[in-house]
Amino acid sequence: MALPSLRHPAQRSLRKQCHQCISQMNSPRYASTAAAPIDELEQSSFQAPELPSDEANQFDPVGKAKGRRKQLPPSRYQFRPPKYYRGPLAPYQPPPSSDPSSREFVPGPFSLPRMGETYKSTIAQDMMTLSYSHVIPGTPQPAAGQRLRTWDGDSPYFANRPLRAPKGGHVLRPLHKRITFRNVPRLEKITVHSMSTEAGSGDSAYLHVTGMVIQAITNVRVKTHEARTTVQQWGLKKGKYSSVTAEMKGEDMYHFLSKCVDLVMPRIKDWKGVKGSSGDETGNISFGLDPDVVALFPEIEVNYDMYPPKMIPGCHVTVHTTANSDKEARLLLTAFGLPFYGKLIN
């Protein structure tokens, strides 16, 4: 009889404690309710343990990193790619440019340019549709004609000589291939070149301003060039720096072209577009921008007081594409929003 009498008081006390815990969990907690003292919190969680002075003085992160380097296999983590490419049969081959250990590795992309995404999603498919020509599968391609001339005659000097170039001063054009999903024309790079004739006469301030302006609008470090010959009409002196060049690829290329098409060119007064004859017959299109047009770029317009107005240069822009003809290059740039006028020379 003693066991049942002892069990009931224990059950009552346990049930009472559970009710108190549940009521505390269900009751709302306000900022004014009593909490733990701040001193206890600071001593318990916010204060880091003090290190002995000997351990603090012995802490050396550089030495620790050097010691860790000895533990790693040098063949994998200390690989130095060859500086020059010595052919496919060389024992040491350089890694691809996407490998971080490559000398040609470029981190990124860090953003998706709007014009580049438009090309991938819309323009590439439209160009392939516009230039589509149906060919029955299995149809043999027509043989290319003789492009180089042979040496005619019985002279012994003609034996084993390379073929001659075509007549005239025309450049040998590349063979035109049918556009498929593998070779849709695309932008390759954009080159911006600016010449400062006043720099050749001895005033280097013009060259500095030219380099600053081109770097501002292209986001690429420029390369300076010396004059090879002396031309008095153009103010060139041999050995004097007279021009700068910026070469853009990837994100910078798309950003620059979008600024030209969307911000700068619509503000040019009575501007017809790019001449239809501006091409080198291999898919590269060039056009020029006057100094007052270069001042319309947002990077120059915001800091216009930083550049002397009379020193802002003009520039020549060359758009390099993978197209084989000027017709395909103009079709690509028209899709990007660059208009053409006049007689179109293909």
C-alpha atoms as a PDB file:
ATOM      1  CA  MET A   1       0.000   0.000   0.000  1.00  0.00           C
ATOM      2  CA  ALA A   2       2.992   2.338   0.439  1.00  0.00           C
ATOM      3  CA  LEU A   3       3.888   2.464  -3.272  1.00  0.00           C
ATOM      4  CA  PRO A   4       0.588   3.918  -4.580  1.00  0.00           C
ATOM      5  CA  SER A   5       0.634   6.586  -1.873  1.00  0.00           C
ATOM      6  CA  LEU A   6       4.128   7.749  -2.928  1.00  0.00           C
ATOM      7  CA  ARG A   7       3.340   7.743  -6.683  1.00  0.00           C
ATOM      8  CA  HIS A   8       0.496  10.299  -6.605  1.00  0.00           C
ATOM      9  CA  PRO A   9       2.445  13.271  -5.131  1.00  0.00           C
ATOM     10  CA  ALA A  10       5.250  12.774  -7.700  1.00  0.00           C
ATOM     11  CA  GLN A  11       2.752  12.822 -10.566  1.00  0.00           C
ATOM     12  CA  ARG A  12       1.164  15.993  -9.265  1.00  0.00           C
ATOM     13  CA  SER A  13       4.477  17.848  -8.937  1.00  0.00           C
ATOM     14  CA  LEU A  14       5.586  16.726 -12.449  1.00  0.00           C
ATOM     15  CA  ARG A  15       2.255  17.789 -13.983  1.00  0.00           C
ATOM     16  CA  LYS A  16       2.549  21.185 -12.269  1.00  0.00           C
ATOM     17  CA  GLN A  17       6.065  21.768 -13.647  1.00  0.00           C
ATOM     18  CA  CYS A  18       4.947  20.856 -17.201  1.00  0.00           C
ATOM     19  CA  HIS A  19       2.051  23.320 -17.041  1.00  0.00           C
ATOM     20  CA  GLN A  20       4.428  26.074 -15.950  1.00  0.00           C
ATOM     21  CA  CYS A  21       6.850  25.367 -18.849  1.00  0.00           C
ATOM     22  CA  ILE A  22       4.035  25.313 -21.439  1.00  0.00           C
ATOM     23  CA  SER A  23       2.586  28.584 -20.163  1.00  0.00           C
ATOM     24  CA  GLN A  24       6.003  30.254 -20.391  1.00  0.00           C
ATOM     25  CA  MET A  25       6.479  29.052 -23.965  1.00  0.00           C
ATOM     26  CA  ASN A  26       3.034  30.264 -25.072  1.00  0.00           C
ATOM     27  CA  SER A  27       3.236  33.650 -23.380  1.00  0.00           C
ATOM     28  CA  PRO A  28       4.553  36.503 -25.664  1.00  0.00           C
ATOM     29  CA  ARG A  29       8.001  37.920 -24.973  1.00  0.00           C
ATOM     30  CA  TYR A  30       8.272  41.719 -24.937  1.00  0.00           C
ATOM     31  CA  ALA A  31      11.293  43.968 -24.818  1.00  0.00           C
ATOM     32  CA  SER A  32      10.288  45.141 -21.364  1.00  0.00           C
ATOM     33  CA  THR A  33      10.356  41.649 -19.885  1.00  0.00           C
ATOM     34  CA  ALA A  34      13.161  40.755 -17.623  1.00  0.00           C
ATOM     35  CA  ALA A  35      16.180  39.257 -19.336  1.00  0.00           C
ATOM     36  CA  ALA A  36      19.618  38.157 -18.378  1.00  0.00           C
ATOM     37  CA  PRO A  37      21.946  40.901 -17.169  1.00  0.00           C
ATOM     38  CA  ILE A  38      24.202  42.476 -19.791  1.00  0.00           C
ATOM     39  CA  ASP A  39      27.293  41.780 -17.759  1.00  0.00           C
ATOM     40  CA  GLU A  40      26.623  38.056 -17.872  1.00  0.00           C
ATOM     41  CA  LEU A  41      26.108  38.163 -21.672  1.00  0.00           C
ATOM     42  CA  GLU A  42      29.299  40.115 -22.218  1.00  0.00           C
ATOM     43  CA  GLN A  43      31.284  37.789 -20.050  1.00  0.00           C
ATOM     44  CA  SER A  44      29.805  34.651 -21.557  1.00  0.00           C
ATOM     45  CA  SER A  45      29.369  35.196 -25.314  1.00  0.00           C
ATOM     46  CA  PHE A  46      30.718  38.577 -26.464  1.00  0.00           C
ATOM     47  CA  GLN A  47      34.136  38.499 -24.867  1.00  0.00           C
ATOM     48  CA  ALA A  48      36.794  36.434 -26.626  1.00  0.00           C
ATOM     49  CA  PRO A  49      39.187  34.501 -24.455  1.00  0.00           C
ATOM     50  CA  GLU A  50      42.456  36.294 -23.913  1.00  0.00           C
ATOM     51  CA  LEU A  51      45.440  34.589 -25.487  1.00  0.00           C
ATOM     52  CA  PRO A  52      48.715  34.370 -23.692  1.00  0.00           C
ATOM     53  CA  SER A  53      51.324  36.846 -24.845  1.00  0.00           C
ATOM     54  CA  ASP A  54      53.661  34.053 -25.955  1.00  0.00           C
ATOM     55  CA  GLU A  55      51.094  32.535 -28.350  1.00  0.00           C
ATOM     56  CA  ALA A  56      50.182  35.960 -29.798  1.00  0.00           C
ATOM     57  CA  ASN A  57      53.819  36.768 -30.548  1.00  0.00           C
ATOM     58  CA  GLN A  58      54.449  33.378 -32.127  1.00  0.00           C
ATOM     59  CA  PHE A  59      51.500  33.681 -34.569  1.00  0.00           C
ATOM     60  CA  ASP A  60      52.968  33.970 -38.098  1.00  0.00           C
ATOM     61  CA  PRO A  61      50.445  33.517 -40.987  1.00  0.00           C
ATOM     62  CA  VAL A  62      53.120  33.904 -43.679  1.00  0.00           C
ATOM     63  CA  GLY A  63      55.302  31.203 -42.195  1.00  0.00           C
ATOM     64  CA  LYS A  64      52.271  28.976 -41.753  1.00  0.00           C
ATOM     65  CA  ALA A  65      51.412  29.332 -45.448  1.00  0.00           C
ATOM     66  CA  LYS A  66      54.989  28.535 -46.478  1.00  0.00           C
ATOM     67  CA  GLY A  67      54.947  25.453 -44.318  1.00  0.00           C
ATOM     68  CA  ARG A  68      51.686  24.315 -45.857  1.00  0.00           C
ATOM     69  CA  ARG A  69      53.240  24.649 -49.321  1.00  0.00           C
ATOM     70  CA  LYS A  70      55.795  21.996 -48.475  1.00  0.00           C
ATOM     71  CA  GLN A  71      53.044  19.539 -47.629  1.00  0.00           C
ATOM     72  CA  LEU A  72      51.340  19.817 -51.059  1.00  0.00           C
ATOM     73  CA  PRO A  73      52.609  17.873 -54.091  1.00  0.00           C
ATOM     74  CA  PRO A  74      54.549  20.316 -56.294  1.00  0.00           C
ATOM     75  CA  SER A  75      53.461  18.594 -59.500  1.00  0.00           C
ATOM     76  CA  ARG A  76      49.849  19.708 -58.999  1.00  0.00           C
ATOM     77  CA  TYR A  77      49.839  22.923 -56.979  1.00  0.00           C
ATOM     78  CA  GLN A  78      53.093  24.551 -58.105  1.00  0.00           C
ATOM     79  CA  PHE A  79      52.694  24.020 -61.865  1.00  0.00           C
ATOM     80  CA  ARG A  80      54.092  26.777 -64.102  1.00  0.00           C
ATOM     81  CA  PRO A  81      52.739  26.644 -67.664  1.00  0.00           C
ATOM     82  CA  PRO A  82      55.265  27.171 -70.467  1.00  0.00           C
ATOM     83  CA  LYS A  83      55.752  30.764 -71.509  1.00  0.00           C
ATOM     84  CA  TYR A  84      55.687  30.006 -75.232  1.00  0.00           C
ATOM     85  CA  TYR A  85      53.684  27.498 -77.220  1.00  0.00           C
ATOM     86  CA  ARG A  86      56.147  25.117 -78.873  1.00  0.00           C
ATOM     87  CA  GLY A  87      53.743  23.043 -80.940  1.00  0.00           C
ATOM     88  CA  PRO A  88      51.447  20.061 -80.351  1.00  0.00           C
ATOM     89  CA  LEU A  89      54.358  17.602 -79.992  1.00  0.00           C
ATOM     90  CA  ALA A  90      56.077  19.467 -77.140  1.00  0.00           C
ATOM     91  CA  PRO A  91      56.256  17.446 -73.901  1.00  0.00           C
ATOM     92  CA  TYR A  92      54.734  20.292 -71.823  1.00  0.00           C
ATOM     93  CA  GLN A  93      51.448  21.646 -73.167  1.00  0.00           C
ATOM     94  CA  PRO A  94      49.899  24.863 -71.815  1.00  0.00           C
ATOM     95  CA  PRO A  95      46.526  24.451 -70.098  1.00  0.00           C
ATOM     96  CA  PRO A  96      43.405  25.937 -71.716  1.00  0.00           C
ATOM     97  CA  SER A  97      42.616  29.594 -71.148  1.00  0.00           C
ATOM     98  CA  SER A  98      39.707  28.615 -68.856  1.00  0.00           C
ATOM     99  CA  ASP A  99      42.131  27.007 -66.369  1.00  0.00           C
ATOM    100  CA  PRO A 100      43.135  29.411 -63.540  1.00  0.00           C
ATOM    101  CA  SER A 101      46.746  28.207 -63.829  1.00  0.00           C
ATOM    102  CA  SER A 102      46.953  29.379 -67.457  1.00  0.00           C
ATOM    103  CA  ARG A 103      48.847  32.526 -68.345  1.00  0.00           C
ATOM    104  CA  GLU A 104      45.919  33.586 -70.553  1.00  0.00           C
ATOM    105  CA  PHE A 105      43.275  33.124 -67.837  1.00  0.00           C
ATOM    106  CA  VAL A 106      40.910  36.097 -67.459  1.00  0.00           C
ATOM    107  CA  PRO A 107      38.433  35.979 -64.542  1.00  0.00           C
ATOM    108  CA  GLY A 108      34.818  36.610 -65.355  1.00  0.00           C
ATOM    109  CA  PRO A 109      32.357  37.333 -66.731  1.00  0.00           C
ATOM    110  CA  PHE A 110      31.036  39.252 -63.745  1.00  0.00           C
ATOM    111  CA  SER A 111      27.958  40.609 -65.551  1.00  0.00           C
ATOM    112  CA  LEU A 112      25.806  39.708 -68.535  1.00  0.00           C
ATOM    113  CA  PRO A 113      25.767  42.544 -71.101  1.00  0.00           C
ATOM    114  CA  ARG A 114      22.319  43.196 -72.521  1.00  0.00           C
ATOM    115  CA  MET A 115      23.546  43.314 -76.121  1.00  0.00           C
ATOM    116  CA  GLY A 116      25.450  40.055 -75.768  1.00  0.00           C
ATOM    117  CA  GLU A 117      22.405  38.278 -74.338  1.00  0.00           C
ATOM    118  CA  THR A 118      20.236  39.709 -77.140  1.00  0.00           C
ATOM    119  CA  TYR A 119      22.634  38.259 -79.703  1.00  0.00           C
ATOM    120  CA  LYS A 120      22.493  34.794 -78.144  1.00  0.00           C
ATOM    121  CA  SER A 121      18.717  34.737 -77.722  1.00  0.00           C
ATOM    122  CA  THR A 122      17.478  36.535 -80.861  1.00  0.00           C
ATOM    123  CA  ILE A 123      20.021  37.861 -83.379  1.00  0.00           C
ATOM    124  CA  ALA A 124      21.927  34.622 -84.002  1.00  0.00           C
ATOM    125  CA  GLN A 125      18.733  32.688 -84.792  1.00  0.00           C
ATOM    126  CA  ASP A 126      17.395  35.501 -86.995  1.00  0.00           C
ATOM    127  CA  MET A 127      20.625  35.719 -89.009  1.00  0.00           C
ATOM    128  CA  MET A 128      20.657  31.975 -89.582  1.00  0.00           C
ATOM    129  CA  THR A 129      17.026  32.161 -90.778  1.00  0.00           C
ATOM    130  CA  LEU A 130      17.598  35.161 -93.071  1.00  0.00           C
ATOM    131  CA  SER A 131      20.649  33.616 -94.741  1.00  0.00           C
ATOM    132  CA  TYR A 132      19.225  30.087 -94.949  1.00  0.00           C
ATOM    133  CA  SER A 133      19.515  28.261 -98.258  1.00  0.00           C
ATOM    134  CA  HIS A 134      18.110  24.762 -98.455  1.00  0.00           C
ATOM    135  CA  VAL A 135      20.496  22.049 -99.609  1.00  0.00           C
ATOM    136  CA  ILE A 136      19.378  18.449 -99.957  1.00  0.00           C
ATOM    137  CA  PRO A 137      21.346  16.217 -97.581  1.00  0.00           C
ATOM    138  CA  GLY A 138      24.061  14.330 -99.425  1.00  0.00           C
ATOM    139  CA  THR A 139      24.483  16.942-102.148  1.00  0.00           C
ATOM    140  CA  PRO A 140      28.211  17.372-102.895  1.00  0.00           C
ATOM    141  CA  GLN A 141      29.509  20.905-102.507  1.00  0.00           C
ATOM    142  CA  PRO A 142      30.767  22.600-105.677  1.00  0.00           C
ATOM    143  CA  ALA A 143      34.526  22.532-106.085  1.00  0.00           C
ATOM    144  CA  ALA A 144      36.319  25.835-105.531  1.00  0.00           C
ATOM    145  CA  GLY A 145      37.936  27.287-108.624  1.00  0.00           C
ATOM    146  CA  GLN A 146      41.622  27.911-109.021  1.00  0.00           C
ATOM    147  CA  ARG A 147      42.419  30.970-106.959  1.00  0.00           C
ATOM    148  CA  LEU A 148      46.190  31.164-107.486  1.00  0.00           C
ATOM    149  CA  ARG A 149      47.905  31.191-110.879  1.00  0.00           C
ATOM    150  CA  THR A 150      50.449  28.670-112.002  1.00  0.00           C
ATOM    151  CA  TRP A 151      53.768  29.467-113.669  1.00  0.00           C
ATOM    152  CA  ASP A 152      53.547  28.843-117.401  1.00  0.00           C
ATOM    153  CA  GLY A 153      56.709  28.082-119.318  1.00  0.00           C
ATOM    154  CA  ASP A 154      59.605  25.677-119.671  1.00  0.00           C
ATOM    155  CA  SER A 155      62.024  27.615-117.499  1.00  0.00           C
ATOM    156  CA  PRO A 156      63.717  25.507-114.809  1.00  0.00           C
ATOM    157  CA  TYR A 157      63.106  28.335-112.342  1.00  0.00           C
ATOM    158  CA  PHE A 158      59.364  27.572-112.460  1.00  0.00           C
ATOM    159  CA  ALA A 159      59.820  24.126-110.921  1.00  0.00           C
ATOM    160  CA  ASN A 160      58.671  23.789-107.282  1.00  0.00           C
ATOM    161  CA  ARG A 161      57.811  27.477-107.051  1.00  0.00           C
ATOM    162  CA  PRO A 162      54.732  28.574-105.063  1.00  0.00           C
ATOM    163  CA  LEU A 163      51.688  29.648-107.013  1.00  0.00           C
ATOM    164  CA  ARG A 164      51.311  33.282-107.998  1.00  0.00           C
ATOM    165  CA  ALA A 165      48.783  35.685-106.535  1.00  0.00           C
ATOM    166  CA  PRO A 166      45.799  36.782-108.640  1.00  0.00           C
ATOM    167  CA  LYS A 167      46.175  39.630-111.098  1.00  0.00           C
ATOM    168  CA  GLY A 168      45.780  43.182-109.881  1.00  0.00           C
ATOM    169  CA  GLY A 169      46.135  44.592-106.395  1.00  0.00           C
ATOM    170  CA  HIS A 170      43.027  42.949-104.945  1.00  0.00           C
ATOM    171  CA  VAL A 171      43.315  41.017-101.718  1.00  0.00           C
ATOM    172  CA  LEU A 172      42.509  37.319-101.946  1.00  0.00           C
ATOM    173  CA  ARG A 173      39.065  37.059-100.342  1.00  0.00           C
ATOM    174  CA  PRO A 174      38.222  34.142 -98.057  1.00  0.00           C
ATOM    175  CA  LEU A 175      35.975  31.407 -99.374  1.00  0.00           C
ATOM    176  CA  HIS A 176      32.318  32.044 -98.601  1.00  0.00           C
ATOM    177  CA  LYS A 177      30.805  29.243 -96.559  1.00  0.00           C
ATOM    178  CA  ARG A 178      27.124  28.572 -96.042  1.00  0.00           C
ATOM    179  CA  ILE A 179      25.908  29.907 -92.678  1.00  0.00           C
ATOM    180  CA  THR A 180      24.914  27.176 -90.252  1.00  0.00           C
ATOM    181  CA  PHE A 181      24.463  27.050 -86.506  1.00  0.00           C
ATOM    182  CA  ARG A 182      28.214  26.501 -86.199  1.00  0.00           C
ATOM    183  CA  ASN A 183      29.475  29.611 -88.024  1.00  0.00           C
ATOM    184  CA  VAL A 184      26.871  32.334 -87.434  1.00  0.00           C
ATOM    185  CA  PRO A 185      28.643  35.729 -87.746  1.00  0.00           C
ATOM    186  CA  ARG A 186      29.410  37.303 -84.388  1.00  0.00           C
ATOM    187  CA  LEU A 187      31.429  40.143 -82.942  1.00  0.00           C
ATOM    188  CA  GLU A 188      35.090  39.330 -82.399  1.00  0.00           C
ATOM    189  CA  LYS A 189      36.587  42.580 -81.094  1.00  0.00           C
ATOM    190  CA  ILE A 190      36.385  46.365 -81.435  1.00  0.00           C
ATOM    191  CA  THR A 191      39.433  48.581 -81.969  1.00  0.00           C
ATOM    192  CA  VAL A 192      39.388  52.313 -81.173  1.00  0.00           C
ATOM    193  CA  HIS A 193      42.247  54.352 -82.617  1.00  0.00           C
ATOM    194  CA  SER A 194      42.903  58.046 -82.047  1.00  0.00           C
ATOM    195  CA  MET A 195      45.699  60.206 -83.426  1.00  0.00           C
ATOM    196  CA  SER A 196      47.038  63.391 -81.856  1.00  0.00           C
ATOM    197  CA  THR A 197      49.064  65.384 -84.375  1.00  0.00           C
ATOM    198  CA  GLU A 198      49.825  68.126 -81.833  1.00  0.00           C
ATOM    199  CA  ALA A 199      51.737  65.598 -79.704  1.00  0.00           C
ATOM    200  CA  GLY A 200      54.301  65.157 -82.473  1.00  0.00           C
ATOM    201  CA  SER A 201      55.151  68.848 -82.400  1.00  0.00           C
ATOM    202  CA  GLY A 202      56.365  68.629 -78.796  1.00  0.00           C
ATOM    203  CA  ASP A 203      53.242  69.200 -76.663  1.00  0.00           C
ATOM    204  CA  SER A 204      52.691  65.896 -74.861  1.00  0.00           C
ATOM    205  CA  ALA A 205      49.596  67.183 -73.031  1.00  0.00           C
ATOM    206  CA  TYR A 206      47.485  66.388 -76.101  1.00  0.00           C
ATOM    207  CA  LEU A 207      48.635  62.775 -76.051  1.00  0.00           C
ATOM    208  CA  HIS A 208      47.879  62.439 -72.322  1.00  0.00           C
ATOM    209  CA  VAL A 209      44.362  63.820 -72.753  1.00  0.00           C
ATOM    210  CA  THR A 210      43.800  61.550 -75.763  1.00  0.00           C
ATOM    211  CA  GLY A 211      44.824  58.488 -73.780  1.00  0.00           C
ATOM    212  CA  MET A 212      42.643  59.478 -70.816  1.00  0.00           C
ATOM    213  CA  VAL A 213      39.581  60.012 -73.032  1.00  0.00           C
ATOM    214  CA  ILE A 214      39.985  56.712 -74.903  1.00  0.00           C
ATOM    215  CA  GLN A 215      40.547  54.810 -71.662  1.00  0.00           C
ATOM    216  CA  ALA A 216      37.458  56.412 -70.118  1.00  0.00           C
ATOM    217  CA  ILE A 217      35.079  55.487 -72.944  1.00  0.00           C
ATOM    218  CA  THR A 218      36.500  51.977 -73.572  1.00  0.00           C
ATOM    219  CA  ASN A 219      37.444  50.823 -70.045  1.00  0.00           C
ATOM    220  CA  VAL A 220      40.676  49.388 -71.531  1.00  0.00           C
ATOM    221  CA  ARG A 221      44.267  50.537 -71.059  1.00  0.00           C
ATOM    222  CA  VAL A 222      45.504  52.084 -74.295  1.00  0.00           C
ATOM    223  CA  LYS A 223      48.715  51.402 -76.198  1.00  0.00           C
ATOM    224  CA  THR A 224      50.776  54.294 -77.519  1.00  0.00           C
ATOM    225  CA  HIS A 225      52.455  54.237 -80.928  1.00  0.00           C
ATOM    226  CA  GLU A 226      55.440  56.074 -82.340  1.00  0.00           C
ATOM    227  CA  ALA A 227      55.525  57.645 -85.781  1.00  0.00           C
ATOM    228  CA  ARG A 228      57.521  55.515 -88.208  1.00  0.00           C
ATOM    229  CA  THR A 229      58.234  58.262 -90.711  1.00  0.00           C
ATOM    230  CA  THR A 230      58.218  62.052 -90.820  1.00  0.00           C
ATOM    231  CA  VAL A 231      55.228  63.660 -92.577  1.00  0.00           C
ATOM    232  CA  GLN A 232      55.234  67.446 -92.333  1.00  0.00           C
ATOM    233  CA  GLN A 233      51.688  67.843 -93.654  1.00  0.00           C
ATOM    234  CA  TRP A 234      50.324  65.742 -90.787  1.00  0.00           C
ATOM    235  CA  GLY A 235      52.720  67.061 -88.149  1.00  0.00           C
ATOM    236  CA  LEU A 236      54.423  63.695 -87.656  1.00  0.00           C
ATOM    237  CA  LYS A 237      58.023  63.292 -86.589  1.00  0.00           C
ATOM    238  CA  LYS A 238      59.819  59.986 -86.655  1.00  0.00           C
ATOM    239  CA  GLY A 239      60.190  58.473 -83.170  1.00  0.00           C
ATOM    240  CA  LYS A 240      57.581  60.747 -81.512  1.00  0.00           C
ATOM    241  CA  TYR A 241      54.501  59.268 -79.863  1.00  0.00           C
ATOM    242  CA  SER A 242      51.483  60.398 -81.851  1.00  0.00           C
ATOM    243  CA  SER A 243      48.557  57.944 -81.443  1.00  0.00           C
ATOM    244  CA  VAL A 244      46.860  55.553 -79.044  1.00  0.00           C
ATOM    245  CA  THR A 245      44.880  52.346 -79.592  1.00  0.00           C
ATOM    246  CA  ALA A 246      42.438  50.435 -77.392  1.00  0.00           C
ATOM    247  CA  GLU A 247      41.314  46.888 -78.165  1.00  0.00           C
ATOM    248  CA  MET A 248      38.128  45.607 -76.533  1.00  0.00           C
ATOM    249  CA  LYS A 249      36.795  42.075 -76.221  1.00  0.00           C
ATOM    250  CA  GLY A 250      34.006  40.423 -74.282  1.00  0.00           C
ATOM    251  CA  GLU A 251      31.980  42.600 -71.923  1.00  0.00           C
ATOM    252  CA  ASP A 252      33.806  45.848 -72.739  1.00  0.00           C
ATOM    253  CA  MET A 253      33.131  45.307 -76.448  1.00  0.00           C
ATOM    254  CA  TYR A 254      29.371  44.920 -75.964  1.00  0.00           C
ATOM    255  CA  HIS A 255      29.183  47.807 -73.474  1.00  0.00           C
ATOM    256  CA  PHE A 256      30.987  50.168 -75.844  1.00  0.00           C
ATOM    257  CA  LEU A 257      28.804  49.273 -78.838  1.00  0.00           C
ATOM    258  CA  SER A 258      25.616  49.598 -76.801  1.00  0.00           C
ATOM    259  CA  LYS A 259      26.698  53.072 -75.622  1.00  0.00           C
ATOM    260  CA  CYS A 260      27.341  54.109 -79.218  1.00  0.00           C
ATOM    261  CA  VAL A 261      24.006  52.791 -80.490  1.00  0.00           C
ATOM    262  CA  ASP A 262      21.745  53.789 -77.584  1.00  0.00           C
ATOM    263  CA  LEU A 263      23.284  56.978 -76.154  1.00  0.00           C
ATOM    264  CA  VAL A 264      25.738  58.683 -78.507  1.00  0.00           C
ATOM    265  CA  MET A 265      24.555  58.210 -82.082  1.00  0.00           C
ATOM    266  CA  PRO A 266      20.895  59.221 -81.516  1.00  0.00           C
ATOM    267  CA  ARG A 267      22.145  62.603 -80.240  1.00  0.00           C
ATOM    268  CA  ILE A 268      24.228  63.395 -83.343  1.00  0.00           C
ATOM    269  CA  LYS A 269      22.509  66.109 -85.358  1.00  0.00           C
ATOM    270  CA  ASP A 270      21.681  65.220 -88.988  1.00  0.00           C
ATOM    271  CA  TRP A 271      23.502  61.916 -88.710  1.00  0.00           C
ATOM    272  CA  LYS A 272      22.612  59.500 -91.506  1.00  0.00           C
ATOM    273  CA  GLY A 273      24.527  56.494 -90.292  1.00  0.00           C
ATOM    274  CA  VAL A 274      27.619  54.576 -91.351  1.00  0.00           C
ATOM    275  CA  LYS A 275      28.653  54.653 -94.999  1.00  0.00           C
ATOM    276  CA  GLY A 276      27.676  51.568 -96.936  1.00  0.00           C
ATOM    277  CA  SER A 277      31.122  51.408 -98.531  1.00  0.00           C
ATOM    278  CA  SER A 278      33.021  51.268 -95.215  1.00  0.00           C
ATOM    279  CA  GLY A 279      34.359  47.734 -95.241  1.00  0.00           C
ATOM    280  CA  ASP A 280      37.515  45.813 -96.064  1.00  0.00           C
ATOM    281  CA  GLU A 281      35.699  43.020 -97.999  1.00  0.00           C
ATOM    282  CA  THR A 282      36.441  40.517 -95.200  1.00  0.00           C
ATOM    283  CA  GLY A 283      33.722  41.391 -92.676  1.00  0.00           C
ATOM    284  CA  ASN A 284      35.251  44.357 -90.800  1.00  0.00           C
ATOM    285  CA  ILE A 285      33.381  47.677 -90.662  1.00  0.00           C
ATOM    286  CA  SER A 286      34.920  51.057 -89.730  1.00  0.00           C
ATOM    287  CA  PHE A 287      33.456  54.462 -88.933  1.00  0.00           C
ATOM    288  CA  GLY A 288      34.713  57.689 -87.385  1.00  0.00           C
ATOM    289  CA  LEU A 289      33.564  59.888 -84.500  1.00  0.00           C
ATOM    290  CA  ASP A 290      34.303  63.631 -84.356  1.00  0.00           C
ATOM    291  CA  PRO A 291      35.561  65.328 -81.158  1.00  0.00           C
ATOM    292  CA  ASP A 292      32.117  66.820 -80.417  1.00  0.00           C
ATOM    293  CA  VAL A 293      30.625  63.317 -80.732  1.00  0.00           C
ATOM    294  CA  VAL A 294      33.227  61.788 -78.396  1.00  0.00           C
ATOM    295  CA  ALA A 295      32.208  64.407 -75.810  1.00  0.00           C
ATOM    296  CA  LEU A 296      28.690  62.883 -75.783  1.00  0.00           C
ATOM    297  CA  PHE A 297      29.860  59.656 -74.126  1.00  0.00           C
ATOM    298  CA  PRO A 298      28.530  59.480 -70.551  1.00  0.00           C
ATOM    299  CA  GLU A 299      32.025  59.054 -69.066  1.00  0.00           C
ATOM    300  CA  ILE A 300      33.162  62.323 -70.694  1.00  0.00           C
ATOM    301  CA  GLU A 301      29.899  64.203 -70.231  1.00  0.00           C
ATOM    302  CA  VAL A 302      29.817  63.623 -66.479  1.00  0.00           C
ATOM    303  CA  ASN A 303      33.418  64.821 -65.979  1.00  0.00           C
ATOM    304  CA  TYR A 304      33.485  67.304 -68.849  1.00  0.00           C
ATOM    305  CA  ASP A 305      35.351  69.917 -66.775  1.00  0.00           C
ATOM    306  CA  MET A 306      38.245  67.492 -66.281  1.00  0.00           C
ATOM    307  CA  TYR A 307      39.119  67.484 -70.010  1.00  0.00           C
ATOM    308  CA  PRO A 308      40.099  70.660 -71.906  1.00  0.00           C
ATOM    309  CA  PRO A 309      37.446  71.044 -74.650  1.00  0.00           C
ATOM    310  CA  LYS A 310      40.019  71.835 -77.352  1.00  0.00           C
ATOM    311  CA  MET A 311      42.036  68.711 -76.499  1.00  0.00           C
ATOM    312  CA  ILE A 312      39.211  66.144 -76.720  1.00  0.00           C
ATOM    313  CA  PRO A 313      40.148  64.014 -79.762  1.00  0.00           C
ATOM    314  CA  GLY A 314      38.165  62.215 -82.416  1.00  0.00           C
ATOM    315  CA  CYS A 315      38.585  58.510 -83.021  1.00  0.00           C
ATOM    316  CA  HIS A 316      38.232  55.741 -85.582  1.00  0.00           C
ATOM    317  CA  VAL A 317      36.215  52.674 -84.569  1.00  0.00           C
ATOM    318  CA  THR A 318      36.751  49.326 -86.306  1.00  0.00           C
ATOM    319  CA  VAL A 319      34.283  46.508 -85.597  1.00  0.00           C
ATOM    320  CA  HIS A 320      35.879  43.110 -86.274  1.00  0.00           C
ATOM    321  CA  THR A 321      33.446  40.281 -87.003  1.00  0.00           C
ATOM    322  CA  THR A 322      33.783  36.639 -87.993  1.00  0.00           C
ATOM    323  CA  ALA A 323      31.790  37.221 -91.205  1.00  0.00           C
ATOM    324  CA  ASN A 324      33.444  36.495 -94.558  1.00  0.00           C
ATOM    325  CA  SER A 325      31.838  39.387 -96.450  1.00  0.00           C
ATOM    326  CA  ASP A 326      30.762  42.956 -95.790  1.00  0.00           C
ATOM    327  CA  LYS A 327      27.147  42.026 -96.542  1.00  0.00           C
ATOM    328  CA  GLU A 328      26.983  39.614 -93.598  1.00  0.00           C
ATOM    329  CA  ALA A 329      28.827  42.075 -91.342  1.00  0.00           C
ATOM    330  CA  ARG A 330      26.353  44.853 -92.192  1.00  0.00           C
ATOM    331  CA  LEU A 331      23.459  42.476 -91.535  1.00  0.00           C
ATOM    332  CA  LEU A 332      24.911  41.712 -88.102  1.00  0.00           C
ATOM    333  CA  LEU A 333      25.517  45.365 -87.157  1.00  0.00           C
ATOM    334  CA  THR A 334      22.077  46.382 -88.460  1.00  0.00           C
ATOM    335  CA  ALA A 335      20.562  43.855 -86.070  1.00  0.00           C
ATOM    336  CA  PHE A 336      22.497  45.528 -83.243  1.00  0.00           C
ATOM    337  CA  GLY A 337      21.000  48.903 -84.249  1.00  0.00           C
ATOM    338  CA  LEU A 338      23.762  50.479 -86.350  1.00  0.00           C
ATOM    339  CA  PRO A 339      22.231  52.058 -89.528  1.00  0.00           C
ATOM    340  CA  PHE A 340      23.909  52.291 -92.937  1.00  0.00           C
ATOM    341  CA  TYR A 341      23.308  54.715 -95.789  1.00  0.00           C
ATOM    342  CA  GLY A 342      24.410  55.196 -99.395  1.00  0.00           C
ATOM    343  CA  LYS A 343      25.430  52.565-101.897  1.00  0.00           C
ATOM    344  CA  LEU A 344      26.078  49.208-100.274  1.00  0.00           C
ATOM    345  CA  ILE A 345      29.234  47.606-101.667  1.00  0.00           C
ATOM    346  CA  ASN A 346      29.451  43.860-101.027  1.00  0.00           C
END
